[in-house]
Amino acid sequence: MKKAQRFLCCPALLILLSVIAAQRVTIAAHKEVHSIPIIDTHIHLYDTARPQGLPWPPPTDKVLYRPVLPADFDKICQDNQIAATVIVEASEWLDDNQWVLDLVKHNPKRYIALVGSLEIGTPEFGAQFEKLSRDKRFVGLRLRERPRGEDFFNEEVWRDLKLMAELNQTLDVLMFSFSLNDIDMIAKKVPTLKILSNHVAGADIDGKAVDPTWAAALKRAAAHPNVYCKVSGLFQQSHQRPSPTNTDFYRPLLDELWKVFGEDRLVYGSNWPVTMHGGTYAAYKHIVLDYFTPKGTIALEKLLYRNAIKFYGLPDMKLGE
């Protein structure tokens, strides 16, 4: 009878041991994730209290129209274990590139790079760009405005894009005035220029299967090895305030990005403080980690910091920093 009781207890014991083992694996995985340094490659800094004002954000934006300065993002970093960041200049004013570089010069380990804003295709562009590029923190510029509309890509623009490639600088592309077809065209004509599509390649996220036309354009752009995609602006691209915080809402879109870019050409970014329209930074980060953690440690490291270092040419970082 005692032998029978022992035998009956074995399955229960095995279940208990398996639960304990699973908990230990979960704890170990949690610690491993938290040891990975995170570079947020998409934030904005500005000061609405400056005497000269600023072109963005507009005063009508009650969430964003306030000073957003390093002390504000320092708090985000402390609360969310962010090691470093790449600032993306949202002002179209030339002098604001240097203004931001000066603003963060006190903390070069956290504020490691600036993606600037310059009007490309002008007679002054070459001299202005080369001057800013003397600062190693200046890593490229973002295509944001589109003067001349469909006639934007003229000989002068192609001249300047080729100059950027020659200087080993990078190109971010804001997917409002520009399209995946534009990225495909740039990548073909300037194959040595590293190109980073912002805000999940401009996808509109509704929780359903991705738009097939968008998916086809994404596949064409991603066929170029010099094209990367920034996993930023998820809240913004949901077009909901507050934005959904359920990872499954974003899964169809993230599945598509993973399918075409894989682990080597996806880069983490938030779009803070614009994220505040949709929810907290912690909620945004949770969605990204919840989706990508099951892809494995190597893929997660690449997303969170290694691909950013490779794309922008940033200083190397080590686990636990």
Protein backbone atom coordinates (compact mmCIF):
# COMPACT_ATOMS: atom_id res chain seq x y z
CA MET A 1 0.00 0.00 0.00
CA LYS A 2 2.85 2.40 0.88
CA LYS A 3 4.55 1.67 -2.44
CA ALA A 4 1.31 2.52 -4.25
CA GLN A 5 1.05 5.83 -2.36
CA ARG A 6 4.60 6.72 -3.29
CA PHE A 7 3.88 5.93 -6.91
CA LEU A 8 0.72 8.09 -6.84
CA CYS A 9 2.71 10.96 -5.34
CA CYS A 10 5.32 10.92 -8.08
CA PRO A 11 3.22 12.69 -10.77
CA ALA A 12 2.31 15.46 -8.32
CA LEU A 13 5.96 15.77 -7.34
CA LEU A 14 7.04 15.93 -10.96
CA ILE A 15 4.48 18.67 -11.65
CA LEU A 16 5.71 20.67 -8.66
CA LEU A 17 9.33 20.30 -9.74
CA SER A 18 8.48 21.36 -13.30
CA VAL A 19 6.68 24.48 -12.00
CA ILE A 20 9.69 25.40 -9.85
CA ALA A 21 12.03 24.85 -12.80
CA ALA A 22 9.83 27.01 -15.06
CA GLN A 23 9.81 29.79 -12.48
CA ARG A 24 13.60 29.67 -12.28
CA VAL A 25 13.87 29.88 -16.07
CA THR A 26 11.48 32.84 -16.10
CA ILE A 27 13.45 34.65 -13.41
CA ALA A 28 16.72 33.96 -15.23
CA ALA A 29 15.25 35.21 -18.52
CA HIS A 30 13.93 38.34 -16.77
CA LYS A 31 17.39 39.07 -15.35
CA GLU A 32 18.98 38.44 -18.76
CA VAL A 33 16.63 40.91 -20.48
CA HIS A 34 17.35 43.55 -17.86
CA SER A 35 21.10 43.12 -18.40
CA ILE A 36 20.77 44.18 -22.06
CA PRO A 37 21.57 47.88 -22.59
CA ILE A 38 18.83 49.76 -24.44
CA ILE A 39 19.48 52.58 -26.89
CA ASP A 40 16.33 54.52 -27.65
CA THR A 41 17.04 55.84 -31.15
CA HIS A 42 14.12 58.23 -31.39
CA ILE A 43 13.43 61.02 -28.91
CA HIS A 44 12.95 64.77 -29.24
CA LEU A 45 14.22 67.56 -26.98
CA TYR A 46 13.08 71.18 -27.16
CA ASP A 47 12.30 74.23 -25.05
CA THR A 48 9.03 76.07 -25.57
CA ALA A 49 10.24 78.76 -23.13
CA ARG A 50 13.07 79.93 -25.41
CA PRO A 51 12.84 83.63 -26.34
CA GLN A 52 13.08 82.75 -30.05
CA GLY A 53 10.31 80.16 -29.80
CA LEU A 54 10.34 77.01 -31.93
CA PRO A 55 8.56 75.63 -35.01
CA TRP A 56 7.36 72.40 -33.34
CA PRO A 57 5.29 71.37 -31.43
CA PRO A 58 2.41 73.80 -31.95
CA PRO A 59 0.94 75.64 -28.94
CA THR A 60 -2.36 73.86 -29.60
CA ASP A 61 -0.81 70.54 -28.54
CA LYS A 62 -1.57 70.56 -24.83
CA VAL A 63 0.43 67.37 -24.19
CA LEU A 64 3.66 68.28 -25.98
CA TYR A 65 3.80 72.06 -25.78
CA ARG A 66 6.02 72.45 -22.73
CA PRO A 67 9.78 72.37 -22.19
CA VAL A 68 11.10 68.84 -22.84
CA LEU A 69 14.71 68.82 -21.70
CA PRO A 70 17.43 66.36 -20.68
CA ALA A 71 16.25 66.29 -17.05
CA ASP A 72 12.88 65.03 -18.27
CA PHE A 73 14.39 62.20 -20.29
CA ASP A 74 16.87 61.40 -17.53
CA LYS A 75 13.85 60.49 -15.40
CA ILE A 76 12.50 58.27 -18.19
CA CYS A 77 15.88 56.53 -18.40
CA GLN A 78 16.04 55.94 -14.66
CA ASP A 79 12.51 54.54 -14.50
CA ASN A 80 12.82 52.36 -17.62
CA GLN A 81 16.46 51.21 -17.69
CA ILE A 82 17.39 53.13 -20.86
CA ALA A 83 21.17 53.31 -21.26
CA ALA A 84 21.50 55.86 -24.05
CA THR A 85 19.60 57.69 -26.74
CA VAL A 86 19.77 59.13 -30.22
CA ILE A 87 18.01 62.48 -30.49
CA VAL A 88 16.09 63.22 -33.68
CA GLU A 89 15.84 66.94 -34.42
CA ALA A 90 12.23 67.96 -35.01
CA SER A 91 12.94 71.62 -35.76
CA GLU A 92 13.51 72.80 -39.32
CA TRP A 93 15.72 75.66 -38.13
CA LEU A 94 19.41 75.22 -38.95
CA ASP A 95 20.68 76.64 -35.65
CA ASP A 96 18.63 74.15 -33.63
CA ASN A 97 21.01 71.36 -34.64
CA GLN A 98 23.82 73.03 -32.69
CA TRP A 99 21.38 74.07 -29.96
CA VAL A 100 20.61 70.40 -29.21
CA LEU A 101 24.26 69.35 -29.41
CA ASP A 102 25.12 72.03 -26.86
CA LEU A 103 22.12 71.14 -24.69
CA VAL A 104 23.33 67.57 -24.09
CA LYS A 105 27.12 68.00 -24.13
CA HIS A 106 27.19 67.54 -20.34
CA ASN A 107 26.23 63.86 -20.66
CA PRO A 108 27.82 62.27 -23.75
CA LYS A 109 27.37 58.73 -22.44
CA ARG A 110 23.59 59.04 -22.41
CA TYR A 111 23.00 61.46 -25.30
CA ILE A 112 25.24 59.75 -27.78
CA ALA A 113 24.05 61.04 -31.15
CA LEU A 114 21.90 63.51 -33.05
CA VAL A 115 20.03 62.94 -36.29
CA GLY A 116 19.85 66.48 -37.60
CA SER A 117 17.50 68.53 -39.72
CA LEU A 118 18.71 70.38 -42.80
CA GLU A 119 17.02 71.35 -46.03
CA ILE A 120 18.57 69.05 -48.57
CA GLY A 121 19.16 70.13 -52.16
CA THR A 122 20.13 73.74 -51.41
CA PRO A 123 23.36 75.50 -52.43
CA GLU A 124 24.30 75.81 -48.75
CA PHE A 125 23.67 72.18 -47.80
CA GLY A 126 27.16 70.80 -48.43
CA ALA A 127 28.98 73.35 -46.28
CA GLN A 128 26.37 73.20 -43.52
CA PHE A 129 26.32 69.41 -43.42
CA GLU A 130 30.09 69.02 -43.44
CA LYS A 131 30.42 71.56 -40.60
CA LEU A 132 27.91 69.72 -38.41
CA SER A 133 29.49 66.37 -39.27
CA ARG A 134 32.75 67.47 -37.63
CA ASP A 135 31.00 66.71 -34.34
CA LYS A 136 31.14 62.92 -34.04
CA ARG A 137 27.75 62.99 -32.31
CA PHE A 138 26.12 64.25 -35.51
CA VAL A 139 25.32 61.02 -37.37
CA GLY A 140 23.06 62.10 -40.22
CA LEU A 141 19.79 63.79 -40.97
CA ARG A 142 16.12 63.02 -41.34
CA LEU A 143 14.02 63.62 -44.43
CA ARG A 144 10.96 65.35 -42.98
CA GLU A 145 9.72 68.18 -45.15
CA ARG A 146 9.07 67.74 -48.87
CA PRO A 147 9.29 71.05 -50.73
CA ARG A 148 8.22 70.89 -54.39
CA GLY A 149 6.05 67.84 -53.69
CA GLU A 150 6.43 65.20 -56.39
CA ASP A 151 9.28 67.22 -57.92
CA PHE A 152 11.35 66.94 -54.73
CA PHE A 153 13.99 64.54 -56.06
CA ASN A 154 15.97 66.82 -58.37
CA GLU A 155 19.66 66.75 -59.30
CA GLU A 156 20.62 68.82 -56.25
CA VAL A 157 18.91 66.40 -53.84
CA TRP A 158 20.70 63.42 -55.41
CA ARG A 159 23.99 65.33 -55.16
CA ASP A 160 23.47 65.85 -51.43
CA LEU A 161 22.35 62.29 -50.74
CA LYS A 162 25.52 61.04 -52.41
CA LEU A 163 27.56 63.47 -50.28
CA MET A 164 25.99 62.00 -47.15
CA ALA A 165 27.00 58.52 -48.25
CA GLU A 166 30.55 59.68 -49.02
CA LEU A 167 30.80 61.09 -45.48
CA ASN A 168 29.48 57.79 -44.07
CA GLN A 169 26.46 59.55 -42.61
CA THR A 170 22.94 58.15 -42.31
CA LEU A 171 19.45 59.00 -43.50
CA ASP A 172 16.32 58.68 -41.37
CA VAL A 173 13.05 59.00 -43.28
CA LEU A 174 9.83 60.25 -41.68
CA MET A 175 7.02 58.33 -43.33
CA PHE A 176 4.50 61.15 -43.65
CA SER A 177 5.76 63.16 -46.60
CA PHE A 178 7.79 60.25 -47.95
CA SER A 179 6.88 56.69 -48.90
CA LEU A 180 8.37 53.22 -49.07
CA ASN A 181 8.58 53.69 -52.82
CA ASP A 182 10.79 56.74 -52.18
CA ILE A 183 13.03 54.64 -49.93
CA ASP A 184 13.23 51.95 -52.59
CA MET A 185 14.29 54.57 -55.14
CA ILE A 186 16.92 56.16 -52.87
CA ALA A 187 18.36 52.77 -51.95
CA LYS A 188 18.73 51.88 -55.62
CA LYS A 189 20.39 55.16 -56.61
CA VAL A 190 22.61 55.52 -53.54
CA PRO A 191 23.30 51.94 -52.39
CA THR A 192 26.06 52.99 -49.99
CA LEU A 193 23.74 55.29 -48.00
CA LYS A 194 22.32 53.71 -44.84
CA ILE A 195 18.57 54.41 -44.70
CA LEU A 196 16.30 54.02 -41.68
CA SER A 197 12.53 54.10 -42.13
CA ASN A 198 10.93 55.73 -39.09
CA HIS A 199 7.82 54.73 -37.16
CA VAL A 200 7.32 51.12 -38.31
CA ALA A 201 7.65 52.16 -41.95
CA GLY A 202 4.52 54.31 -41.79
CA ALA A 203 2.11 51.42 -41.27
CA ASP A 204 -1.40 52.20 -40.04
CA ILE A 205 -2.03 49.81 -37.16
CA ASP A 206 -5.56 48.59 -36.50
CA GLY A 207 -4.92 45.19 -34.93
CA LYS A 208 -5.77 43.39 -38.17
CA ALA A 209 -3.71 41.93 -41.00
CA VAL A 210 -1.44 44.49 -42.62
CA ASP A 211 -2.47 46.24 -45.81
CA PRO A 212 -1.22 44.09 -48.74
CA THR A 213 -0.22 47.13 -50.81
CA TRP A 214 1.87 48.47 -47.94
CA ALA A 215 3.35 44.99 -47.37
CA ALA A 216 4.39 44.73 -51.02
CA ALA A 217 6.08 48.14 -50.89
CA LEU A 218 7.79 47.16 -47.63
CA LYS A 219 9.17 44.00 -49.23
CA ARG A 220 10.59 45.97 -52.16
CA ALA A 221 12.29 48.49 -49.87
CA ALA A 222 13.60 45.82 -47.50
CA ALA A 223 15.18 43.95 -50.41
CA HIS A 224 17.99 46.52 -50.24
CA PRO A 225 20.54 45.59 -47.56
CA ASN A 226 21.16 49.27 -46.74
CA VAL A 227 17.52 49.77 -45.64
CA TYR A 228 16.59 49.34 -41.96
CA CYS A 229 13.35 49.91 -40.04
CA LYS A 230 12.85 51.65 -36.71
CA VAL A 231 10.39 50.01 -34.32
CA SER A 232 9.18 53.41 -33.16
CA GLY A 233 5.88 55.26 -33.08
CA LEU A 234 3.68 52.23 -32.38
CA PHE A 235 1.29 54.34 -30.30
CA GLN A 236 1.28 57.09 -32.90
CA GLN A 237 0.56 54.70 -35.76
CA SER A 238 -2.38 53.16 -33.88
CA HIS A 239 -4.17 56.52 -34.28
CA GLN A 240 -5.84 55.97 -30.91
CA ARG A 241 -5.58 58.06 -27.73
CA PRO A 242 -5.01 56.35 -25.41
CA SER A 243 -3.36 53.68 -27.52
CA PRO A 244 -3.92 49.95 -27.04
CA THR A 245 -1.41 48.33 -24.68
CA ASN A 246 -2.17 44.73 -25.66
CA THR A 247 0.78 43.30 -27.59
CA ASP A 248 -1.56 41.26 -29.80
CA PHE A 249 -2.98 44.48 -31.26
CA TYR A 250 0.45 45.23 -32.76
CA ARG A 251 1.40 41.62 -33.54
CA PRO A 252 0.32 41.47 -37.23
CA LEU A 253 2.41 44.55 -37.99
CA LEU A 254 5.42 43.36 -35.97
CA ASP A 255 5.19 39.93 -37.59
CA GLU A 256 5.47 41.56 -41.00
CA LEU A 257 8.48 43.66 -40.00
CA TRP A 258 10.18 40.61 -38.53
CA LYS A 259 9.48 38.60 -41.67
CA VAL A 260 11.07 41.08 -44.08
CA PHE A 261 13.84 42.68 -41.97
CA GLY A 262 14.72 39.84 -39.61
CA GLU A 263 16.89 40.32 -36.55
CA ASP A 264 19.66 42.29 -38.27
CA ARG A 265 17.83 45.38 -39.53
CA LEU A 266 15.26 46.32 -36.89
CA VAL A 267 16.15 49.14 -34.49
CA TYR A 268 14.39 50.13 -31.25
CA GLY A 269 13.01 53.64 -30.80
CA SER A 270 10.10 55.18 -28.92
CA ASN A 271 9.25 58.63 -30.36
CA TRP A 272 9.15 60.10 -26.86
CA PRO A 273 7.61 62.51 -25.85
CA VAL A 274 5.06 61.98 -28.66
CA THR A 275 4.43 58.59 -27.03
CA MET A 276 2.67 60.47 -24.23
CA HIS A 277 -0.30 60.98 -26.54
CA GLY A 278 -0.83 57.22 -26.43
CA GLY A 279 0.38 56.09 -23.02
CA THR A 280 3.37 55.74 -20.74
CA TYR A 281 6.91 54.96 -21.77
CA ALA A 282 6.78 51.81 -19.65
CA ALA A 283 3.70 50.59 -21.53
CA TYR A 284 5.39 51.22 -24.88
CA LYS A 285 8.57 49.42 -23.87
CA HIS A 286 6.57 46.48 -22.50
CA ILE A 287 4.86 45.90 -25.85
CA VAL A 288 8.19 45.83 -27.68
CA LEU A 289 9.86 43.52 -25.15
CA ASP A 290 6.82 41.27 -24.91
CA TYR A 291 6.88 40.69 -28.66
CA PHE A 292 10.63 40.38 -29.22
CA THR A 293 11.82 38.55 -26.10
CA PRO A 294 10.58 35.16 -27.40
CA LYS A 295 12.77 35.69 -30.49
CA GLY A 296 15.80 34.96 -28.32
CA THR A 297 18.54 36.85 -26.55
CA ILE A 298 20.64 37.52 -29.65
CA ALA A 299 17.69 38.99 -31.55
CA LEU A 300 16.76 41.12 -28.55
CA GLU A 301 20.30 42.45 -28.17
CA LYS A 302 20.36 43.39 -31.84
CA LEU A 303 17.02 45.19 -31.64
CA LEU A 304 17.78 47.06 -28.42
CA TYR A 305 21.33 48.23 -29.10
CA ARG A 306 23.56 46.30 -31.49
CA ASN A 307 21.73 47.29 -34.68
CA ALA A 308 21.68 50.93 -33.59
CA ILE A 309 25.44 50.83 -33.08
CA LYS A 310 25.92 49.23 -36.50
CA PHE A 311 23.60 51.60 -38.34
CA TYR A 312 24.64 54.91 -36.78
CA GLY A 313 28.28 54.02 -36.10
CA LEU A 314 27.89 54.56 -32.36
CA PRO A 315 30.37 53.73 -29.59
CA ASP A 316 30.14 50.09 -28.54
CA MET A 317 28.25 49.10 -25.39
CA LYS A 318 28.52 46.07 -23.15
CA LEU A 319 25.92 43.95 -21.39
CA GLY A 320 24.98 45.41 -18.04
CA GLU A 321 25.92 49.00 -18.93
